[in-house]
Amino acid sequence: MDAVIQCFKDDFERFWGLMEKQIDICPDEIWSKKAGGWIFWQQILHSIGCVELFVLPEGESSSLPFSREEVLLIKEPGQAVSKVEMLELAGRMKGLADAYIASTTAQTLTSPEAGISKRMGRELTRQYAIIALIRHCCYHLGCCDATLREHGIQGVY
């Protein structure tokens, strides 16, 4: 694997692993509590679900059991997600992200990427998609860590 792509892969692995750790350590009373405008688990769902936004090939349908509006924090999901269900979903989305990163080469890194370009409404590259995976995960990791710390629980980051 190209050194730059390996660096992206390593960062993604690190932050995704920390997010999975957050799921594990979050007490049930915080898991279903609203903080910062969203239910804790909904913010995790958003971070996990946006993998499809960034890397799903053009024309492929979402495999998520939620609407686009629920994943994008526009609408609150009607049904809560357990930590076990969230970790299963995280595993599936990580597999999608891992395959995308693994299929990237130095030659394709700066190539236009049709799926994310269509969903975001402007021409974007594979590099943008991979950096978005990392940046987005890291952002929500920080938000959720802040919620944990506000409740006296040491965050993971």
N, C-alpha and C. Protein backbone atom coordinates (compact mmCIF):
# COMPACT_ATOMS: atom_id res chain seq x y z
N MET A 1 0.85 -1.18 0.00
CA MET A 1 0.00 0.00 0.00
C MET A 1 0.90 1.24 0.00
N ASP A 2 0.50 2.22 -0.76
CA ASP A 2 1.20 3.50 -0.83
C ASP A 2 1.30 4.10 0.58
N ALA A 3 2.42 4.77 0.88
CA ALA A 3 2.68 5.31 2.22
C ALA A 3 1.62 6.34 2.65
N VAL A 4 1.16 7.17 1.73
CA VAL A 4 0.15 8.17 2.06
C VAL A 4 -1.17 7.48 2.39
N ILE A 5 -1.55 6.52 1.57
CA ILE A 5 -2.79 5.79 1.81
C ILE A 5 -2.69 5.01 3.12
N GLN A 6 -1.54 4.44 3.41
CA GLN A 6 -1.34 3.73 4.68
C GLN A 6 -1.52 4.68 5.86
N CYS A 7 -1.04 5.90 5.73
CA CYS A 7 -1.21 6.90 6.79
C CYS A 7 -2.69 7.18 7.01
N PHE A 8 -3.44 7.35 5.92
CA PHE A 8 -4.89 7.56 6.03
C PHE A 8 -5.55 6.36 6.71
N LYS A 9 -5.17 5.16 6.28
CA LYS A 9 -5.73 3.93 6.84
C LYS A 9 -5.46 3.84 8.33
N ASP A 10 -4.24 4.13 8.74
CA ASP A 10 -3.87 4.07 10.16
C ASP A 10 -4.70 5.05 10.99
N ASP A 11 -4.87 6.29 10.49
CA ASP A 11 -5.66 7.27 11.22
C ASP A 11 -7.12 6.82 11.32
N PHE A 12 -7.66 6.34 10.22
CA PHE A 12 -9.04 5.87 10.24
C PHE A 12 -9.21 4.74 11.25
N GLU A 13 -8.31 3.78 11.24
CA GLU A 13 -8.36 2.64 12.17
C GLU A 13 -8.33 3.14 13.63
N ARG A 14 -7.45 4.08 13.90
CA ARG A 14 -7.30 4.60 15.27
C ARG A 14 -8.59 5.26 15.75
N PHE A 15 -9.13 6.18 14.96
CA PHE A 15 -10.31 6.92 15.40
C PHE A 15 -11.55 6.04 15.43
N TRP A 16 -11.68 5.14 14.47
CA TRP A 16 -12.83 4.23 14.47
C TRP A 16 -12.78 3.33 15.71
N GLY A 17 -11.60 2.85 16.04
CA GLY A 17 -11.45 2.02 17.24
C GLY A 17 -11.83 2.76 18.50
N LEU A 18 -11.47 4.03 18.58
CA LEU A 18 -11.85 4.84 19.74
C LEU A 18 -13.36 5.03 19.81
N MET A 19 -13.99 5.19 18.65
CA MET A 19 -15.45 5.34 18.63
C MET A 19 -16.12 4.04 19.11
N GLU A 20 -15.62 2.90 18.69
CA GLU A 20 -16.17 1.63 19.17
C GLU A 20 -15.97 1.49 20.68
N LYS A 21 -14.86 1.99 21.19
CA LYS A 21 -14.61 1.97 22.63
C LYS A 21 -15.63 2.85 23.35
N GLN A 22 -15.97 4.00 22.74
CA GLN A 22 -16.99 4.87 23.33
C GLN A 22 -18.31 4.13 23.48
N ILE A 23 -18.67 3.37 22.46
CA ILE A 23 -19.92 2.61 22.51
C ILE A 23 -19.86 1.65 23.70
N ASP A 24 -18.74 0.98 23.85
CA ASP A 24 -18.59 0.00 24.94
C ASP A 24 -18.69 0.63 26.32
N ILE A 25 -18.08 1.79 26.51
CA ILE A 25 -18.00 2.36 27.87
C ILE A 25 -19.18 3.27 28.22
N CYS A 26 -19.99 3.65 27.25
CA CYS A 26 -21.09 4.57 27.53
C CYS A 26 -22.16 3.90 28.39
N PRO A 27 -22.44 4.47 29.57
CA PRO A 27 -23.51 3.91 30.41
C PRO A 27 -24.87 4.05 29.72
N ASP A 28 -25.77 3.14 30.02
CA ASP A 28 -27.09 3.15 29.39
C ASP A 28 -27.83 4.46 29.59
N GLU A 29 -27.68 5.08 30.77
CA GLU A 29 -28.41 6.33 31.03
C GLU A 29 -27.91 7.48 30.15
N ILE A 30 -26.67 7.42 29.71
CA ILE A 30 -26.15 8.44 28.79
C ILE A 30 -26.44 8.04 27.34
N TRP A 31 -26.39 6.76 27.04
CA TRP A 31 -26.62 6.24 25.69
C TRP A 31 -27.91 6.81 25.09
N SER A 32 -28.95 6.92 25.90
CA SER A 32 -30.25 7.37 25.40
C SER A 32 -30.57 8.81 25.78
N LYS A 33 -29.57 9.55 26.26
CA LYS A 33 -29.78 10.92 26.70
C LYS A 33 -29.41 11.91 25.59
N LYS A 34 -30.19 12.97 25.52
CA LYS A 34 -29.91 14.02 24.54
C LYS A 34 -28.86 14.97 25.11
N ALA A 35 -27.83 15.24 24.32
CA ALA A 35 -26.77 16.16 24.72
C ALA A 35 -26.23 16.82 23.46
N GLY A 36 -26.05 18.11 23.49
CA GLY A 36 -25.55 18.81 22.31
C GLY A 36 -26.54 18.79 21.16
N GLY A 37 -27.81 18.58 21.46
CA GLY A 37 -28.83 18.62 20.42
C GLY A 37 -29.29 17.26 19.91
N TRP A 38 -28.52 16.21 20.20
CA TRP A 38 -28.88 14.88 19.70
C TRP A 38 -28.73 13.84 20.80
N ILE A 39 -29.48 12.76 20.65
CA ILE A 39 -29.32 11.62 21.54
C ILE A 39 -27.92 11.06 21.30
N PHE A 40 -27.24 10.65 22.36
CA PHE A 40 -25.86 10.16 22.25
C PHE A 40 -25.74 9.10 21.15
N TRP A 41 -26.60 8.07 21.20
CA TRP A 41 -26.48 7.00 20.21
C TRP A 41 -26.77 7.49 18.80
N GLN A 42 -27.61 8.53 18.66
CA GLN A 42 -27.92 9.05 17.33
C GLN A 42 -26.68 9.70 16.71
N GLN A 43 -25.88 10.34 17.55
CA GLN A 43 -24.65 10.95 17.05
C GLN A 43 -23.66 9.88 16.59
N ILE A 44 -23.61 8.77 17.31
CA ILE A 44 -22.77 7.63 16.89
C ILE A 44 -23.31 7.06 15.58
N LEU A 45 -24.64 6.89 15.52
CA LEU A 45 -25.25 6.39 14.28
C LEU A 45 -24.90 7.29 13.10
N HIS A 46 -24.95 8.57 13.31
CA HIS A 46 -24.61 9.53 12.26
C HIS A 46 -23.17 9.33 11.78
N SER A 47 -22.26 9.24 12.73
CA SER A 47 -20.85 9.06 12.37
C SER A 47 -20.64 7.76 11.60
N ILE A 48 -21.25 6.69 12.07
CA ILE A 48 -21.12 5.39 11.41
C ILE A 48 -21.83 5.38 10.06
N GLY A 49 -23.04 5.89 10.03
CA GLY A 49 -23.84 5.87 8.81
C GLY A 49 -23.29 6.72 7.69
N CYS A 50 -22.57 7.78 8.02
CA CYS A 50 -22.02 8.64 6.99
C CYS A 50 -20.90 7.98 6.19
N VAL A 51 -20.44 6.80 6.62
CA VAL A 51 -19.49 6.06 5.80
C VAL A 51 -20.08 5.88 4.41
N GLU A 52 -21.37 5.53 4.34
CA GLU A 52 -22.00 5.36 3.02
C GLU A 52 -22.02 6.67 2.24
N LEU A 53 -22.25 7.78 2.90
CA LEU A 53 -22.23 9.08 2.22
C LEU A 53 -20.90 9.30 1.52
N PHE A 54 -19.82 8.91 2.18
CA PHE A 54 -18.49 9.17 1.66
C PHE A 54 -17.99 8.14 0.65
N VAL A 55 -18.32 6.86 0.83
CA VAL A 55 -17.66 5.84 0.01
C VAL A 55 -18.58 4.92 -0.79
N LEU A 56 -19.88 4.99 -0.60
CA LEU A 56 -20.76 4.11 -1.35
C LEU A 56 -20.68 4.44 -2.84
N PRO A 57 -20.47 3.44 -3.68
CA PRO A 57 -20.40 3.71 -5.12
C PRO A 57 -21.70 4.30 -5.66
N GLU A 58 -21.57 5.10 -6.68
CA GLU A 58 -22.74 5.71 -7.31
C GLU A 58 -23.71 4.62 -7.76
N GLY A 59 -24.97 4.83 -7.47
CA GLY A 59 -26.00 3.90 -7.90
C GLY A 59 -26.29 2.78 -6.91
N GLU A 60 -25.42 2.55 -5.93
CA GLU A 60 -25.67 1.52 -4.92
C GLU A 60 -26.60 2.06 -3.85
N SER A 61 -27.50 1.21 -3.40
CA SER A 61 -28.46 1.59 -2.37
C SER A 61 -27.87 1.41 -0.98
N SER A 62 -28.35 2.23 -0.08
CA SER A 62 -27.91 2.14 1.32
C SER A 62 -28.35 0.81 1.93
N SER A 63 -27.51 0.29 2.80
CA SER A 63 -27.87 -0.93 3.54
C SER A 63 -28.28 -0.59 4.97
N LEU A 64 -28.35 0.68 5.28
CA LEU A 64 -28.68 1.11 6.64
C LEU A 64 -30.17 0.95 6.92
N PRO A 65 -30.52 0.54 8.14
CA PRO A 65 -31.93 0.39 8.49
C PRO A 65 -32.57 1.71 8.95
N PHE A 66 -32.07 2.82 8.46
CA PHE A 66 -32.57 4.14 8.81
C PHE A 66 -32.69 4.98 7.56
N SER A 67 -33.55 5.98 7.61
CA SER A 67 -33.69 6.89 6.48
C SER A 67 -32.48 7.83 6.41
N ARG A 68 -32.30 8.42 5.26
CA ARG A 68 -31.23 9.41 5.08
C ARG A 68 -31.38 10.55 6.09
N GLU A 69 -32.61 10.98 6.32
CA GLU A 69 -32.87 12.08 7.24
C GLU A 69 -32.47 11.71 8.67
N GLU A 70 -32.70 10.45 9.05
CA GLU A 70 -32.31 10.01 10.40
C GLU A 70 -30.80 9.94 10.54
N VAL A 71 -30.13 9.45 9.52
CA VAL A 71 -28.66 9.35 9.56
C VAL A 71 -28.03 10.74 9.56
N LEU A 72 -28.61 11.66 8.82
CA LEU A 72 -28.03 13.00 8.69
C LEU A 72 -28.47 13.96 9.80
N LEU A 73 -29.10 13.43 10.85
CA LEU A 73 -29.50 14.21 12.03
C LEU A 73 -30.57 15.25 11.72
N ILE A 74 -31.33 15.02 10.67
CA ILE A 74 -32.43 15.92 10.31
C ILE A 74 -33.69 15.52 11.06
N LYS A 75 -33.83 14.21 11.26
CA LYS A 75 -35.02 13.64 11.91
C LYS A 75 -34.56 12.64 12.97
N GLU A 76 -35.23 12.68 14.12
CA GLU A 76 -34.88 11.75 15.19
C GLU A 76 -35.47 10.37 14.87
N PRO A 77 -34.65 9.33 14.93
CA PRO A 77 -35.18 7.98 14.66
C PRO A 77 -36.27 7.60 15.66
N GLY A 78 -37.26 6.87 15.18
CA GLY A 78 -38.36 6.46 16.04
C GLY A 78 -37.99 5.32 16.97
N GLN A 79 -37.00 4.54 16.61
CA GLN A 79 -36.61 3.36 17.38
C GLN A 79 -35.18 3.52 17.87
N ALA A 80 -34.96 3.26 19.15
CA ALA A 80 -33.61 3.33 19.72
C ALA A 80 -32.77 2.16 19.20
N VAL A 81 -31.46 2.36 19.22
CA VAL A 81 -30.51 1.33 18.79
C VAL A 81 -29.70 0.93 20.01
N SER A 82 -29.62 -0.37 20.26
CA SER A 82 -28.83 -0.85 21.40
C SER A 82 -27.34 -0.76 21.06
N LYS A 83 -26.52 -0.86 22.09
CA LYS A 83 -25.07 -0.83 21.86
C LYS A 83 -24.63 -2.05 21.06
N VAL A 84 -25.24 -3.19 21.29
CA VAL A 84 -24.91 -4.40 20.52
C VAL A 84 -25.23 -4.19 19.04
N GLU A 85 -26.42 -3.64 18.76
CA GLU A 85 -26.81 -3.37 17.37
C GLU A 85 -25.88 -2.34 16.73
N MET A 86 -25.50 -1.33 17.52
CA MET A 86 -24.62 -0.28 16.98
C MET A 86 -23.25 -0.85 16.64
N LEU A 87 -22.73 -1.72 17.49
CA LEU A 87 -21.42 -2.32 17.20
C LEU A 87 -21.49 -3.22 15.96
N GLU A 88 -22.61 -3.90 15.75
CA GLU A 88 -22.78 -4.72 14.55
C GLU A 88 -22.80 -3.83 13.31
N LEU A 89 -23.55 -2.74 13.40
CA LEU A 89 -23.62 -1.79 12.29
C LEU A 89 -22.25 -1.15 12.05
N ALA A 90 -21.54 -0.83 13.13
CA ALA A 90 -20.19 -0.26 13.00
C ALA A 90 -19.26 -1.22 12.28
N GLY A 91 -19.38 -2.51 12.58
CA GLY A 91 -18.55 -3.50 11.90
C GLY A 91 -18.82 -3.55 10.41
N ARG A 92 -20.09 -3.49 10.04
CA ARG A 92 -20.44 -3.49 8.60
C ARG A 92 -19.92 -2.25 7.90
N MET A 93 -20.09 -1.09 8.52
CA MET A 93 -19.66 0.15 7.88
C MET A 93 -18.14 0.24 7.83
N LYS A 94 -17.47 -0.28 8.85
CA LYS A 94 -16.01 -0.29 8.83
C LYS A 94 -15.51 -1.17 7.70
N GLY A 95 -16.18 -2.29 7.48
CA GLY A 95 -15.82 -3.17 6.37
C GLY A 95 -15.92 -2.45 5.04
N LEU A 96 -16.97 -1.65 4.88
CA LEU A 96 -17.15 -0.87 3.65
C LEU A 96 -16.02 0.15 3.50
N ALA A 97 -15.71 0.85 4.58
CA ALA A 97 -14.63 1.84 4.55
C ALA A 97 -13.27 1.18 4.31
N ASP A 98 -13.02 0.07 4.99
CA ASP A 98 -11.74 -0.64 4.82
C ASP A 98 -11.55 -1.08 3.37
N ALA A 99 -12.60 -1.61 2.76
CA ALA A 99 -12.51 -2.07 1.37
C ALA A 99 -12.24 -0.89 0.43
N TYR A 100 -12.86 0.23 0.72
CA TYR A 100 -12.67 1.43 -0.11
C TYR A 100 -11.22 1.91 -0.02
N ILE A 101 -10.71 1.99 1.20
CA ILE A 101 -9.33 2.44 1.37
C ILE A 101 -8.36 1.46 0.73
N ALA A 102 -8.61 0.16 0.91
CA ALA A 102 -7.72 -0.87 0.35
C ALA A 102 -7.72 -0.86 -1.18
N SER A 103 -8.83 -0.43 -1.77
CA SER A 103 -8.91 -0.40 -3.24
C SER A 103 -8.31 0.87 -3.84
N THR A 104 -7.85 1.77 -2.99
CA THR A 104 -7.28 3.04 -3.44
C THR A 104 -5.79 2.87 -3.69
N THR A 105 -5.34 3.42 -4.80
CA THR A 105 -3.92 3.42 -5.15
C THR A 105 -3.42 4.85 -5.27
N ALA A 106 -2.14 5.00 -5.36
CA ALA A 106 -1.56 6.34 -5.57
C ALA A 106 -2.13 6.97 -6.84
N GLN A 107 -2.42 6.14 -7.83
CA GLN A 107 -2.94 6.66 -9.10
C GLN A 107 -4.42 7.07 -8.99
N THR A 108 -5.21 6.37 -8.17
CA THR A 108 -6.63 6.70 -8.08
C THR A 108 -6.95 7.69 -6.97
N LEU A 109 -6.00 7.97 -6.11
CA LEU A 109 -6.23 8.83 -4.95
C LEU A 109 -6.80 10.19 -5.34
N THR A 110 -6.30 10.78 -6.38
CA THR A 110 -6.76 12.11 -6.77
C THR A 110 -7.75 12.07 -7.94
N SER A 111 -8.26 10.89 -8.23
CA SER A 111 -9.26 10.75 -9.30
C SER A 111 -10.63 11.18 -8.79
N PRO A 112 -11.43 11.75 -9.69
CA PRO A 112 -12.81 12.09 -9.29
C PRO A 112 -13.55 10.83 -8.85
N GLU A 113 -14.40 10.97 -7.86
CA GLU A 113 -15.18 9.85 -7.32
C GLU A 113 -16.66 10.16 -7.51
N ALA A 114 -17.31 9.39 -8.37
CA ALA A 114 -18.69 9.68 -8.79
C ALA A 114 -19.69 9.66 -7.64
N GLY A 115 -19.60 8.67 -6.76
CA GLY A 115 -20.60 8.54 -5.70
C GLY A 115 -20.66 9.73 -4.77
N ILE A 116 -19.55 10.07 -4.16
CA ILE A 116 -19.53 11.21 -3.24
C ILE A 116 -19.77 12.52 -3.98
N SER A 117 -19.27 12.61 -5.21
CA SER A 117 -19.48 13.83 -6.00
C SER A 117 -20.97 14.09 -6.21
N LYS A 118 -21.70 13.04 -6.55
CA LYS A 118 -23.14 13.18 -6.78
C LYS A 118 -23.86 13.53 -5.48
N ARG A 119 -23.52 12.85 -4.39
CA ARG A 119 -24.19 13.09 -3.12
C ARG A 119 -23.88 14.47 -2.54
N MET A 120 -22.69 15.00 -2.80
CA MET A 120 -22.30 16.30 -2.25
C MET A 120 -22.54 17.45 -3.22
N GLY A 121 -22.86 17.13 -4.47
CA GLY A 121 -23.21 18.16 -5.43
C GLY A 121 -22.04 18.91 -6.04
N ARG A 122 -20.85 18.32 -5.98
CA ARG A 122 -19.68 18.93 -6.62
C ARG A 122 -18.64 17.84 -6.85
N GLU A 123 -17.72 18.07 -7.77
CA GLU A 123 -16.73 17.05 -8.07
C GLU A 123 -15.73 16.90 -6.93
N LEU A 124 -15.64 15.67 -6.41
CA LEU A 124 -14.72 15.37 -5.31
C LEU A 124 -13.91 14.13 -5.66
N THR A 125 -12.79 13.97 -4.99
CA THR A 125 -11.87 12.86 -5.28
C THR A 125 -11.95 11.77 -4.21
N ARG A 126 -11.30 10.65 -4.51
CA ARG A 126 -11.17 9.58 -3.51
C ARG A 126 -10.43 10.11 -2.29
N GLN A 127 -9.44 10.95 -2.51
CA GLN A 127 -8.70 11.53 -1.39
C GLN A 127 -9.64 12.30 -0.48
N TYR A 128 -10.52 13.09 -1.06
CA TYR A 128 -11.49 13.83 -0.27
C TYR A 128 -12.36 12.87 0.55
N ALA A 129 -12.82 11.80 -0.10
CA ALA A 129 -13.69 10.83 0.58
C ALA A 129 -12.98 10.20 1.78
N ILE A 130 -11.74 9.82 1.60
CA ILE A 130 -11.00 9.18 2.69
C ILE A 130 -10.72 10.16 3.82
N ILE A 131 -10.33 11.36 3.48
CA ILE A 131 -10.09 12.38 4.51
C ILE A 131 -11.40 12.71 5.23
N ALA A 132 -12.52 12.73 4.50
CA ALA A 132 -13.82 12.98 5.11
C ALA A 132 -14.17 11.89 6.12
N LEU A 133 -13.86 10.64 5.79
CA LEU A 133 -14.09 9.54 6.73
C LEU A 133 -13.37 9.81 8.05
N ILE A 134 -12.12 10.19 7.96
CA ILE A 134 -11.29 10.42 9.14
C ILE A 134 -11.77 11.65 9.91
N ARG A 135 -11.93 12.75 9.20
CA ARG A 135 -12.32 14.03 9.80
C ARG A 135 -13.68 13.92 10.49
N HIS A 136 -14.61 13.28 9.84
CA HIS A 136 -15.96 13.18 10.38
C HIS A 136 -16.00 12.30 11.63
N CYS A 137 -15.32 11.19 11.58
CA CYS A 137 -15.24 10.29 12.73
C CYS A 137 -14.58 11.00 13.91
N CYS A 138 -13.51 11.70 13.64
CA CYS A 138 -12.76 12.40 14.68
C CYS A 138 -13.62 13.51 15.32
N TYR A 139 -14.36 14.24 14.51
CA TYR A 139 -15.22 15.31 15.02
C TYR A 139 -16.25 14.76 16.01
N HIS A 140 -16.97 13.71 15.59
CA HIS A 140 -18.01 13.16 16.45
C HIS A 140 -17.44 12.41 17.64
N LEU A 141 -16.25 11.88 17.49
CA LEU A 141 -15.55 11.28 18.62
C LEU A 141 -15.36 12.33 19.71
N GLY A 142 -14.94 13.51 19.32
CA GLY A 142 -14.77 14.61 20.28
C GLY A 142 -16.07 15.05 20.91
N CYS A 143 -17.12 15.15 20.11
CA CYS A 143 -18.43 15.54 20.64
C CYS A 143 -18.92 14.55 21.69
N CYS A 144 -18.82 13.27 21.36
CA CYS A 144 -19.29 12.23 22.28
C CYS A 144 -18.40 12.14 23.52
N ASP A 145 -17.10 12.35 23.34
CA ASP A 145 -16.21 12.36 24.50
C ASP A 145 -16.58 13.49 25.46
N ALA A 146 -16.95 14.64 24.91
CA ALA A 146 -17.34 15.77 25.75
C ALA A 146 -18.58 15.41 26.58
N THR A 147 -19.52 14.72 25.97
CA THR A 147 -20.71 14.29 26.69
C THR A 147 -20.34 13.33 27.82
N LEU A 148 -19.48 12.38 27.53
CA LEU A 148 -19.04 11.44 28.57
C LEU A 148 -18.38 12.19 29.73
N ARG A 149 -17.48 13.12 29.40
CA ARG A 149 -16.76 13.86 30.44
C ARG A 149 -17.71 14.73 31.27
N GLU A 150 -18.74 15.29 30.63
CA GLU A 150 -19.72 16.09 31.37
C GLU A 150 -20.46 15.26 32.43
N HIS A 151 -20.45 13.95 32.23
CA HIS A 151 -21.11 13.05 33.18
C HIS A 151 -20.10 12.29 34.05
N GLY A 152 -18.88 12.82 34.12
CA GLY A 152 -17.87 12.26 35.02
C GLY A 152 -17.19 11.00 34.52
N ILE A 153 -17.32 10.71 33.25
CA ILE A 153 -16.69 9.51 32.68
C ILE A 153 -15.51 9.95 31.83
N GLN A 154 -14.38 9.34 32.07
CA GLN A 154 -13.20 9.67 31.28
C GLN A 154 -13.46 9.31 29.82
N GLY A 155 -13.21 10.25 28.92
CA GLY A 155 -13.38 9.98 27.52
C GLY A 155 -12.31 9.04 26.99
N VAL A 156 -12.41 8.71 25.74
CA VAL A 156 -11.46 7.78 25.13
C VAL A 156 -10.36 8.49 24.36
N TYR A 157 -10.52 9.78 24.12
CA TYR A 157 -9.56 10.52 23.29
C TYR A 157 -8.84 11.57 24.10
